[in-house]
Protein backbone atom coordinates (compact mmCIF):
# COMPACT_ATOMS: atom_id res chain seq x y z
CA UNK A 1 0.00 0.00 0.00
CA UNK A 2 1.23 3.48 -0.80
CA UNK A 3 2.07 5.73 2.13
CA UNK A 4 0.14 8.76 3.35
CA UNK A 5 2.93 10.92 1.91
CA UNK A 6 2.30 9.50 -1.56
CA UNK A 7 -1.40 10.33 -1.53
CA UNK A 8 -0.78 13.76 0.02
CA UNK A 9 1.63 14.44 -2.82
CA UNK A 10 -1.24 13.90 -5.26
CA UNK A 11 -3.40 16.26 -3.23
CA UNK A 12 -0.60 18.84 -3.39
CA UNK A 13 -0.65 18.60 -7.18
CA UNK A 14 -4.35 19.50 -7.05
CA UNK A 15 -3.54 22.41 -4.75
CA UNK A 16 -0.97 23.72 -7.20
CA UNK A 17 -3.56 23.54 -9.99
CA UNK A 18 -5.86 25.64 -7.80
CA UNK A 19 -3.12 28.24 -7.29
CA UNK A 20 -2.47 28.36 -11.04
CA UNK A 21 -6.15 29.16 -11.54
CA UNK A 22 -6.08 31.99 -8.99
CA UNK A 23 -7.82 30.02 -6.24
CA UNK A 24 -6.56 29.48 -2.70
CA UNK A 25 -4.26 26.43 -3.12
CA UNK A 26 -6.04 23.56 -1.42
CA UNK A 27 -6.28 20.14 -3.04
CA UNK A 28 -7.79 16.78 -2.13
CA UNK A 29 -7.98 13.16 -3.28
CA UNK A 30 -10.19 10.28 -2.17
CA UNK A 31 -8.60 6.82 -1.99
CA UNK A 32 -10.35 3.45 -1.75
CA UNK A 33 -8.69 0.03 -1.86
CA UNK A 34 -5.35 1.59 -2.80
CA UNK A 35 -6.72 3.57 -5.77
CA UNK A 36 -7.54 7.25 -6.25
CA UNK A 37 -11.23 7.37 -7.11
CA UNK A 38 -11.73 11.15 -6.98
CA UNK A 39 -9.86 14.42 -6.71
CA UNK A 40 -10.76 18.04 -6.14
CA UNK A 41 -9.27 21.51 -5.87
CA UNK A 42 -10.59 24.78 -4.56
CA UNK A 43 -12.83 26.51 -7.13
CA UNK A 44 -15.29 28.87 -5.36
CA UNK A 45 -14.16 31.86 -7.46
CA UNK A 46 -14.30 30.20 -10.87
CA UNK A 47 -17.48 28.23 -10.10
CA UNK A 48 -19.23 31.07 -8.23
CA UNK A 49 -19.86 28.49 -5.51
CA UNK A 50 -19.03 29.13 -1.84
CA UNK A 51 -19.22 25.38 -1.18
CA UNK A 52 -16.65 24.46 -3.85
CA UNK A 53 -13.85 23.65 -1.42
CA UNK A 54 -11.42 20.96 -2.51
CA UNK A 55 -12.82 18.40 -0.08
CA UNK A 56 -16.44 18.93 -1.14
CA UNK A 57 -15.52 18.73 -4.83
CA UNK A 58 -13.67 15.45 -4.20
CA UNK A 59 -16.50 14.00 -2.08
CA UNK A 60 -19.07 14.79 -4.77
CA UNK A 61 -16.94 13.11 -7.43
CA UNK A 62 -16.27 10.04 -5.26
CA UNK A 63 -19.98 9.60 -4.52
CA UNK A 64 -20.75 9.60 -8.24
CA UNK A 65 -18.00 7.06 -8.92
CA UNK A 66 -19.31 4.72 -6.21
CA UNK A 67 -22.96 5.39 -6.89
CA UNK A 68 -23.47 6.02 -3.19
CA UNK A 69 -23.40 9.12 -1.03
CA UNK A 70 -21.88 7.02 1.75
CA UNK A 71 -18.10 6.76 1.29
CA UNK A 72 -17.39 3.93 3.71
CA UNK A 73 -13.98 2.38 3.28
CA UNK A 74 -12.58 5.63 1.81
CA UNK A 75 -9.79 7.91 2.99
CA UNK A 76 -9.73 11.58 2.03
CA UNK A 77 -6.40 13.43 1.82
CA UNK A 78 -6.51 17.24 1.87
CA UNK A 79 -3.66 19.74 2.04
CA UNK A 80 -5.31 22.02 4.63
CA UNK A 81 -7.22 21.22 7.79
CA UNK A 82 -10.92 21.11 6.84
CA UNK A 83 -13.32 23.86 7.86
CA UNK A 84 -16.64 23.25 9.63
CA UNK A 85 -18.55 22.95 6.35
CA UNK A 86 -16.17 20.36 4.91
CA UNK A 87 -15.89 18.48 8.21
CA UNK A 88 -19.65 18.17 8.32
CA UNK A 89 -19.71 16.80 4.78
CA UNK A 90 -17.00 14.27 5.65
CA UNK A 91 -18.92 13.02 8.67
CA UNK A 92 -22.14 12.81 6.72
CA UNK A 93 -20.37 10.85 3.98
CA UNK A 94 -19.18 8.29 6.56
CA UNK A 95 -15.53 8.56 5.51
CA UNK A 96 -13.31 6.11 7.34
CA UNK A 97 -10.29 8.39 7.59
CA UNK A 98 -9.32 12.00 6.88
CA UNK A 99 -5.66 12.94 6.52
CA UNK A 100 -4.80 16.64 6.29
CA UNK A 101 -1.58 18.56 5.79
CA UNK A 102 -1.24 22.08 7.22
CA UNK A 103 -3.16 23.15 10.30
CA UNK A 104 -5.58 26.08 9.87
CA UNK A 105 -5.56 28.28 12.98
CA UNK A 106 -8.37 30.51 11.65
CA UNK A 107 -11.08 28.09 10.51
CA UNK A 108 -9.78 24.57 11.14
CA UNK A 109 -12.50 22.27 12.49
CA UNK A 110 -10.32 19.22 13.14
CA UNK A 111 -8.61 20.53 16.25
CA UNK A 112 -7.24 24.02 15.58
CA UNK A 113 -10.37 26.12 16.25
CA UNK A 114 -12.79 23.34 17.10
CA UNK A 115 -12.90 19.57 16.64
CA UNK A 116 -16.14 18.34 15.13
CA UNK A 117 -14.63 14.88 14.70
CA UNK A 118 -14.27 14.52 18.48
CA UNK A 119 -17.93 15.24 19.21
CA UNK A 120 -19.22 12.11 20.92
CA UNK A 121 -22.84 13.01 20.15
CA UNK A 122 -22.33 12.54 16.40
CA UNK A 123 -23.34 9.01 15.39
CA UNK A 124 -20.40 8.45 13.02
CA UNK A 125 -16.76 8.82 13.95
CA UNK A 126 -14.15 9.46 11.29
CA UNK A 127 -10.50 8.94 12.14
CA UNK A 128 -8.40 12.08 11.64
CA UNK A 129 -4.65 12.39 11.10
CA UNK A 130 -3.10 15.84 10.84
CA UNK A 131 0.28 17.23 9.83
CA UNK A 132 1.08 14.98 6.85
CA UNK A 133 3.58 16.89 4.64
CA UNK A 134 2.56 19.92 6.69
CA UNK A 135 5.55 22.03 5.66
CA UNK A 136 5.03 21.48 1.94
CA UNK A 137 1.29 22.15 2.23
CA UNK A 138 1.84 25.25 4.34
CA UNK A 139 4.61 26.61 2.11
CA UNK A 140 2.34 26.46 -0.93
CA UNK A 141 -0.24 28.57 0.88
CA UNK A 142 2.38 31.04 2.14
CA UNK A 143 3.84 31.46 -1.33
CA UNK A 144 0.39 32.05 -2.81
CA UNK A 145 -0.58 34.74 -0.33
CA UNK A 146 2.86 36.35 -0.39
CA UNK A 147 2.49 36.94 -4.13
CA UNK A 148 -0.70 38.88 -3.38
CA UNK A 149 0.97 40.97 -0.70
CA UNK A 150 4.14 42.05 -2.47
CA UNK A 151 4.17 45.58 -1.10
CA UNK A 152 5.01 46.74 2.39
CA UNK A 153 1.79 48.70 2.93
CA UNK A 154 -0.76 46.81 5.04
CA UNK A 155 -3.28 44.89 2.98
CA UNK A 156 -6.81 44.14 4.13
CA UNK A 157 -7.69 40.46 4.30
CA UNK A 158 -10.65 41.00 1.97
CA UNK A 159 -8.42 42.59 -0.67
CA UNK A 160 -5.81 41.68 -3.27
CA UNK A 161 -2.92 43.76 -4.57
CA UNK A 162 -1.47 43.20 -8.00
CA UNK A 163 2.27 42.46 -7.67
CA UNK A 164 4.54 45.28 -8.82
CA UNK A 165 6.22 42.89 -11.25
CA UNK A 166 3.04 42.82 -13.33
CA UNK A 167 3.63 46.48 -14.21
CA UNK A 168 7.31 46.22 -15.14
CA UNK A 169 8.40 47.84 -18.41
CA UNK A 170 5.01 49.21 -19.46
CA UNK A 171 5.29 50.98 -22.84
CA UNK A 172 5.09 54.78 -22.61
CA UNK A 173 4.19 54.83 -18.91
CA UNK A 174 7.33 56.11 -17.16
CA UNK A 175 5.74 58.00 -14.28
CA UNK A 176 6.40 57.33 -10.60
CA UNK A 177 3.46 55.71 -8.81
CA UNK A 178 1.98 57.46 -5.82
CA UNK A 179 -0.26 55.85 -3.22
CA UNK A 180 -2.68 56.97 -0.55
CA UNK A 181 -3.99 54.52 2.04
CA UNK A 182 -6.07 56.52 4.51
CA UNK A 183 -8.98 58.00 2.59
CA UNK A 184 -11.95 57.95 5.00
CA UNK A 185 -14.39 56.46 2.47
CA UNK A 186 -12.17 53.44 1.75
CA UNK A 187 -10.37 52.71 5.04
CA UNK A 188 -7.38 50.40 4.69
CA UNK A 189 -7.46 50.39 0.89
CA UNK A 190 -4.53 51.75 -1.09
CA UNK A 191 -5.36 53.95 -4.08
CA UNK A 192 -2.78 54.55 -6.78
CA UNK A 193 -2.52 57.83 -8.65
CA UNK A 194 -0.12 59.73 -10.86
CA UNK A 195 0.74 63.29 -9.87
CA UNK A 196 3.05 65.00 -12.34
CA UNK A 197 3.94 68.62 -13.00
CA UNK A 198 4.18 71.69 -10.72
CA UNK A 199 1.79 71.93 -7.79
CA UNK A 200 1.11 75.59 -8.58
CA UNK A 201 0.46 75.02 -12.29
CA UNK A 202 -2.17 77.21 -14.00
CA UNK A 203 -4.19 74.07 -14.74
CA UNK A 204 -4.50 70.65 -13.12
CA UNK A 205 -5.90 67.98 -15.41
CA UNK A 206 -7.78 65.43 -13.28
CA UNK A 207 -8.06 62.35 -15.49
CA UNK A 208 -10.70 59.75 -14.59
CA UNK A 209 -10.78 56.41 -16.37
CA UNK A 210 -13.61 53.92 -16.83
CA UNK A 211 -14.18 50.19 -16.90
CA UNK A 212 -12.10 48.07 -17.59
CA UNK A 213 -9.25 50.54 -18.13
CA UNK A 214 -6.91 52.36 -15.74
CA UNK A 215 -4.65 55.43 -15.78
CA UNK A 216 -2.54 53.80 -18.51
CA UNK A 217 -5.31 54.92 -20.87
CA UNK A 218 -4.09 58.54 -20.52
CA UNK A 219 -0.44 57.89 -21.44
CA UNK A 220 -0.75 59.71 -24.81
CA UNK A 221 -2.39 62.79 -23.33
CA UNK A 222 -0.32 63.30 -20.19
CA UNK A 223 2.90 64.37 -22.01
CA UNK A 224 1.01 67.10 -23.91
CA UNK A 225 -0.25 68.67 -20.71
CA UNK A 226 3.10 68.37 -18.95
CA UNK A 227 4.80 70.04 -21.89
CA UNK A 228 2.39 72.95 -21.50
CA UNK A 229 3.61 73.39 -17.91
CA UNK A 230 0.48 71.95 -16.35
CA UNK A 231 -0.13 69.43 -13.57
CA UNK A 232 -1.73 66.04 -14.21
CA UNK A 233 -3.40 63.84 -11.58
CA UNK A 234 -4.63 60.45 -12.80
CA UNK A 235 -5.98 58.03 -10.16
CA UNK A 236 -6.85 54.37 -10.55
CA UNK A 237 -10.28 53.59 -9.17
CA UNK A 238 -10.28 50.96 -6.43
CA UNK A 239 -10.41 47.59 -8.16
CA UNK A 240 -8.45 48.81 -11.19
CA UNK A 241 -4.88 49.46 -12.23
CA UNK A 242 -2.36 49.62 -9.39
CA UNK A 243 -5.01 50.29 -6.74
CA UNK A 244 -6.10 47.60 -4.28
CA UNK A 245 -8.75 45.16 -5.45
CA UNK A 246 -11.46 44.05 -3.01
CA UNK A 247 -12.37 40.41 -3.55
CA UNK A 248 -16.13 40.84 -3.31
CA UNK A 249 -18.31 42.30 -6.05
CA UNK A 250 -20.53 43.78 -3.35
CA UNK A 251 -17.82 46.23 -2.29
CA UNK A 252 -18.35 48.23 -5.46
CA UNK A 253 -21.10 50.81 -5.17
CA UNK A 254 -21.70 54.13 -6.89
CA UNK A 255 -21.46 56.07 -3.63
CA UNK A 256 -18.27 54.35 -2.45
CA UNK A 257 -16.38 55.20 -5.62
CA UNK A 258 -17.81 58.70 -5.84
CA UNK A 259 -16.87 59.50 -2.26
CA UNK A 260 -13.38 58.08 -2.73
CA UNK A 261 -12.81 60.52 -5.62
CA UNK A 262 -14.16 63.41 -3.54
CA UNK A 263 -11.85 62.42 -0.68
CA UNK A 264 -8.84 62.21 -3.00
CA UNK A 265 -9.56 65.61 -4.55
CA UNK A 266 -9.87 67.19 -1.13
CA UNK A 267 -6.79 65.43 0.28
CA UNK A 268 -4.64 66.64 -2.62
CA UNK A 269 -6.38 70.05 -2.42
CA UNK A 270 -6.68 70.20 -6.19
CA UNK A 271 -7.26 73.69 -7.59
CA UNK A 272 -7.77 75.11 -11.09
CA UNK A 273 -8.96 71.69 -12.18
CA UNK A 274 -9.89 70.66 -15.69
CA UNK A 275 -11.97 67.53 -15.14
CA UNK A 276 -11.19 64.92 -17.81
CA UNK A 277 -13.73 62.11 -18.07
CA UNK A 278 -14.61 59.11 -20.20
CA UNK A 279 -16.89 56.10 -19.62
CA UNK A 280 -17.31 55.56 -15.83
CA UNK A 281 -14.93 58.46 -15.34
CA UNK A 282 -17.86 60.62 -16.43
CA UNK A 283 -20.66 58.64 -14.81
CA UNK A 284 -18.90 59.22 -11.49
CA UNK A 285 -16.83 62.30 -12.27
CA UNK A 286 -19.64 64.49 -13.54
CA UNK A 287 -21.18 64.31 -10.07
CA UNK A 288 -18.09 65.78 -8.36
CA UNK A 289 -17.84 69.52 -9.23
CA UNK A 290 -21.19 70.50 -7.72
CA UNK A 291 -19.77 69.60 -4.28
CA UNK A 292 -16.86 72.04 -4.68
CA UNK A 293 -17.36 74.17 -7.80
CA UNK A 294 -14.59 76.57 -6.79
CA UNK A 295 -12.00 73.86 -7.55
CA UNK A 296 -13.01 73.46 -11.21
CA UNK A 297 -12.32 75.69 -14.19
CA UNK A 298 -12.85 73.30 -17.08
CA UNK A 299 -14.43 70.08 -18.31
CA UNK A 300 -13.10 67.75 -21.01
CA UNK A 301 -15.68 65.13 -22.03
CA UNK A 302 -15.02 61.99 -24.06
CA UNK A 303 -17.57 59.22 -24.73
CA UNK A 304 -19.45 59.13 -21.45
CA UNK A 305 -22.87 59.91 -20.04
CA UNK A 306 -24.85 61.06 -17.00
CA UNK A 307 -26.90 58.08 -15.79
CA UNK A 308 -29.89 59.78 -14.17
CA UNK A 309 -32.41 56.97 -14.55
CA UNK A 310 -34.76 59.34 -16.38
CA UNK A 311 -33.83 58.05 -19.82
CA UNK A 312 -33.35 54.51 -21.04
CA UNK A 313 -29.77 53.32 -21.26
CA UNK A 314 -28.55 53.10 -24.84
CA UNK A 315 -28.96 49.82 -26.75
CA UNK A 316 -25.19 49.75 -27.15
CA UNK A 317 -24.66 49.89 -23.42
CA UNK A 318 -27.28 47.23 -22.72
CA UNK A 319 -25.57 44.96 -25.23
CA UNK A 320 -22.22 45.62 -23.52
CA UNK A 321 -23.71 44.81 -20.12
CA UNK A 322 -25.13 41.53 -21.40
CA UNK A 323 -21.83 40.68 -23.08
CA UNK A 324 -19.91 41.23 -19.83
CA UNK A 325 -22.35 39.03 -17.91
CA UNK A 326 -21.95 36.20 -20.41
CA UNK A 327 -18.14 36.49 -20.56
CA UNK A 328 -16.92 37.19 -17.01
CA UNK A 329 -13.34 36.26 -17.94
CA UNK A 330 -13.09 38.38 -21.08
CA UNK A 331 -9.60 39.42 -22.14
CA UNK A 332 -9.23 43.13 -21.32
CA UNK A 333 -6.32 43.68 -23.68
CA UNK A 334 -8.11 42.08 -26.61
CA UNK A 335 -11.15 44.25 -25.91
CA UNK A 336 -9.00 47.38 -26.18
CA UNK A 337 -7.28 46.00 -29.26
CA UNK A 338 -10.59 45.39 -31.01
CA UNK A 339 -11.28 49.12 -31.21
CA UNK A 340 -7.65 50.24 -31.44
CA UNK A 341 -5.85 48.09 -34.00
CA UNK A 342 -2.60 50.03 -33.69
CA UNK A 343 -2.00 48.83 -30.13
CA UNK A 344 1.28 46.97 -29.78
CA UNK A 345 1.59 43.64 -28.03
CA UNK A 346 3.10 45.40 -25.02
CA UNK A 347 0.30 47.97 -24.85
CA UNK A 348 -2.32 45.25 -25.07
CA UNK A 349 -0.60 43.36 -22.25
CA UNK A 350 -0.54 46.53 -20.14
CA UNK A 351 -4.33 46.61 -20.05
CA UNK A 352 -4.34 43.03 -18.74
CA UNK A 353 -1.59 43.69 -16.18
CA UNK A 354 -3.85 44.68 -13.25
CA UNK A 355 -5.76 41.38 -13.43
CA UNK A 356 -3.28 38.46 -13.18
CA UNK A 357 -6.00 35.94 -12.34
CA UNK A 358 -9.72 35.57 -11.71
CA UNK A 359 -9.58 36.73 -8.13
CA UNK A 360 -8.68 40.30 -9.11
CA UNK A 361 -11.71 40.87 -11.35
CA UNK A 362 -14.49 41.82 -8.93
CA UNK A 363 -14.67 45.40 -10.27
CA UNK A 364 -14.91 44.15 -13.86
CA UNK A 365 -17.94 42.10 -12.90
CA UNK A 366 -19.55 44.75 -10.70
CA UNK A 367 -19.33 47.90 -12.81
CA UNK A 368 -21.59 47.09 -15.82
CA UNK A 369 -24.71 46.34 -13.73
CA UNK A 370 -23.86 49.25 -11.41
CA UNK A 371 -24.74 51.92 -14.01
CA UNK A 372 -27.94 53.61 -12.74
CA UNK A 373 -30.77 52.39 -14.95
CA UNK A 374 -33.93 53.48 -13.15
CA UNK A 375 -34.93 56.57 -11.21
CA UNK A 376 -34.45 54.77 -7.89
CA UNK A 377 -31.18 53.04 -8.83
CA UNK A 378 -28.22 53.83 -6.53
CA UNK A 379 -26.48 56.87 -7.98
CA UNK A 380 -29.45 58.08 -10.05
CA UNK A 381 -30.58 60.80 -7.63
CA UNK A 382 -27.09 62.30 -7.26
CA UNK A 383 -26.72 62.17 -11.05
CA UNK A 384 -29.94 64.14 -11.45
CA UNK A 385 -28.56 66.76 -9.05
CA UNK A 386 -25.42 66.90 -11.19
CA UNK A 387 -27.52 67.28 -14.32
CA UNK A 388 -29.17 70.32 -12.81
CA UNK A 389 -25.75 71.73 -11.87
CA UNK A 390 -24.38 71.39 -15.40
CA UNK A 391 -27.51 72.87 -16.94
CA UNK A 392 -27.89 75.85 -14.65
CA UNK A 393 -24.84 76.50 -12.48
CA UNK A 394 -21.70 75.52 -14.40
CA UNK A 395 -19.50 78.59 -14.92
CA UNK A 396 -16.40 76.98 -16.40
CA UNK A 397 -15.30 76.15 -19.95
CA UNK A 398 -16.13 72.86 -21.67
CA UNK A 399 -14.50 70.86 -24.46
CA UNK A 400 -16.05 67.71 -25.92
CA UNK A 401 -14.41 65.05 -28.11
CA UNK A 402 -16.35 62.14 -29.59
CA UNK A 403 -15.06 58.83 -30.91
CA UNK A 404 -17.60 58.20 -33.65
CA UNK A 405 -16.99 54.44 -33.87
CA UNK A 406 -18.14 53.83 -30.30
CA UNK A 407 -21.14 51.44 -30.22
CA UNK A 408 -21.71 51.94 -26.48
CA UNK A 409 -21.51 55.67 -25.70
CA UNK A 410 -21.21 57.10 -29.19
CA UNK A 411 -22.19 60.31 -30.91
CA UNK A 412 -25.93 60.21 -30.23
CA UNK A 413 -25.34 59.75 -26.50
CA UNK A 414 -22.71 62.47 -26.44
CA UNK A 415 -24.81 65.00 -28.33
CA UNK A 416 -27.60 64.42 -25.85
CA UNK A 417 -25.09 65.09 -23.07
CA UNK A 418 -23.89 68.23 -24.84
CA UNK A 419 -27.35 69.78 -24.50
CA UNK A 420 -27.25 69.15 -20.75
CA UNK A 421 -24.08 71.20 -20.19
CA UNK A 422 -24.32 74.96 -20.17
CA UNK A 423 -22.07 76.57 -22.77
CA UNK A 424 -20.76 73.33 -24.31
CA UNK A 425 -19.49 74.14 -27.82
CA UNK A 426 -19.60 71.90 -30.88
CA UNK A 427 -17.57 68.74 -30.27
CA UNK A 428 -14.34 67.60 -31.82
CA UNK A 429 -15.20 64.53 -33.92
CA UNK A 430 -12.77 61.65 -34.35
CA UNK A 431 -14.07 59.55 -37.21
CA UNK A 432 -11.84 56.54 -36.56
CA UNK A 433 -11.90 56.50 -32.76
CA UNK A 434 -13.95 54.05 -30.76
CA UNK A 435 -15.05 53.96 -27.15
CA UNK A 436 -11.54 54.27 -25.69
CA UNK A 437 -10.96 57.53 -27.48
CA UNK A 438 -7.87 58.34 -25.38
CA UNK A 439 -5.92 56.00 -27.64
CA UNK A 440 -6.11 58.89 -30.12
CA UNK A 441 -5.71 61.31 -27.28
CA UNK A 442 -2.66 63.31 -28.32
CA UNK A 443 -4.67 65.37 -30.82
CA UNK A 444 -7.46 65.81 -28.27
CA UNK A 445 -5.04 66.96 -25.57
CA UNK A 446 -3.43 69.48 -27.93
CA UNK A 447 -6.81 70.87 -28.98
CA UNK A 448 -7.93 71.03 -25.35
CA UNK A 449 -4.83 73.01 -24.34
CA UNK A 450 -5.56 75.53 -27.09
CA UNK A 451 -9.21 75.72 -26.12
CA UNK A 452 -8.72 76.25 -22.40
CA UNK A 453 -5.71 78.54 -22.82
CA UNK A 454 -7.67 80.77 -25.19
CA UNK A 455 -10.77 80.64 -22.99
CA UNK A 456 -8.86 81.74 -19.90
CA UNK A 457 -6.48 84.27 -21.46
CA UNK A 458 -7.03 87.94 -20.53
């Protein structure tokens, strides 16, 4: 008969497969009469199933193989001490023996936190052996979590942080990252932003990106504004770019992201701001100036909207929302490439860089259905207040640029928005630009500098 170490080695191989898929690396095998009859690895993220722990997956498979939900005569090997849920399943399955590797001091239910297997009132007793290949099993877990905590700043347990190595050698993105970790609206989360140019510049361009992009989207526009002697601030929304990425979709709400941008603007005490928005950068960003209009002198709009809930969302957006729901693992870089055929391989990879595996993608899943659709949708009321501000109270200058090939927030949506903004002139039209119009942003940035410089000159 093979030794416990042999079977645990097979469970470790399953754990490694889980790690490769972005899941917490726990693996399991079920052995009967000296043969592996089932195996399992953690898959709650990929399967959208909170019960898809390695042990449960293996137990389900073994029951199908045997044609019986009772697994008498079977031994289950698992690389981490089972939790209460898995321990209950093991007892209910009537397993003869459970062998685990590393102890789990947070949720272990085989002796570390509690011991369900020692409860004399339960009518079946499963033998438990712990600590088999414990170092190897524990090291795999430590390595996995270390890769998600590469930086020295504290990281919340409900959050991931893309390793710095993922952003090495990005084409045309030479700027020094800056981080802020104590914004009151997002306690304990680290937000990344660029802050280039003189603090006392005559203009500060506040560049807000959308979904699924990040501040890399502005790399062709930033040099134009810096050359003009201006300041540029370009944050990454939480969940995107180099900012921290909460694991749960439910973290992402309209108000949370809006307040985080208000907090950042106040913390940096931005003045003489030209607000630059596109996609969600506008859905959120257009609600900011009414809270502190004295900070803003200009507005640069590109392919975005105000989602007030008073008008139906565009057919293009509804199609995009449905597409995202049906393809939760879509390739971000390929999406950008589809509308921007001149992107290099390195640029395409840069858009994928923030999301090294499935666990980092909560924001990508959450944002499409988060757009306010009805009058009582979260964010709709504040967007209606913003609409009133832009129609009646906006005193600054406005410049609009439209990518005419955008099927989601294209020219018809933008011209409707134009009529909602007091004093908005005729837009700059880019016949070949799609939704991510910043990829043709150099010409837009140059035209915007001329527009705002002329508008503000004596």
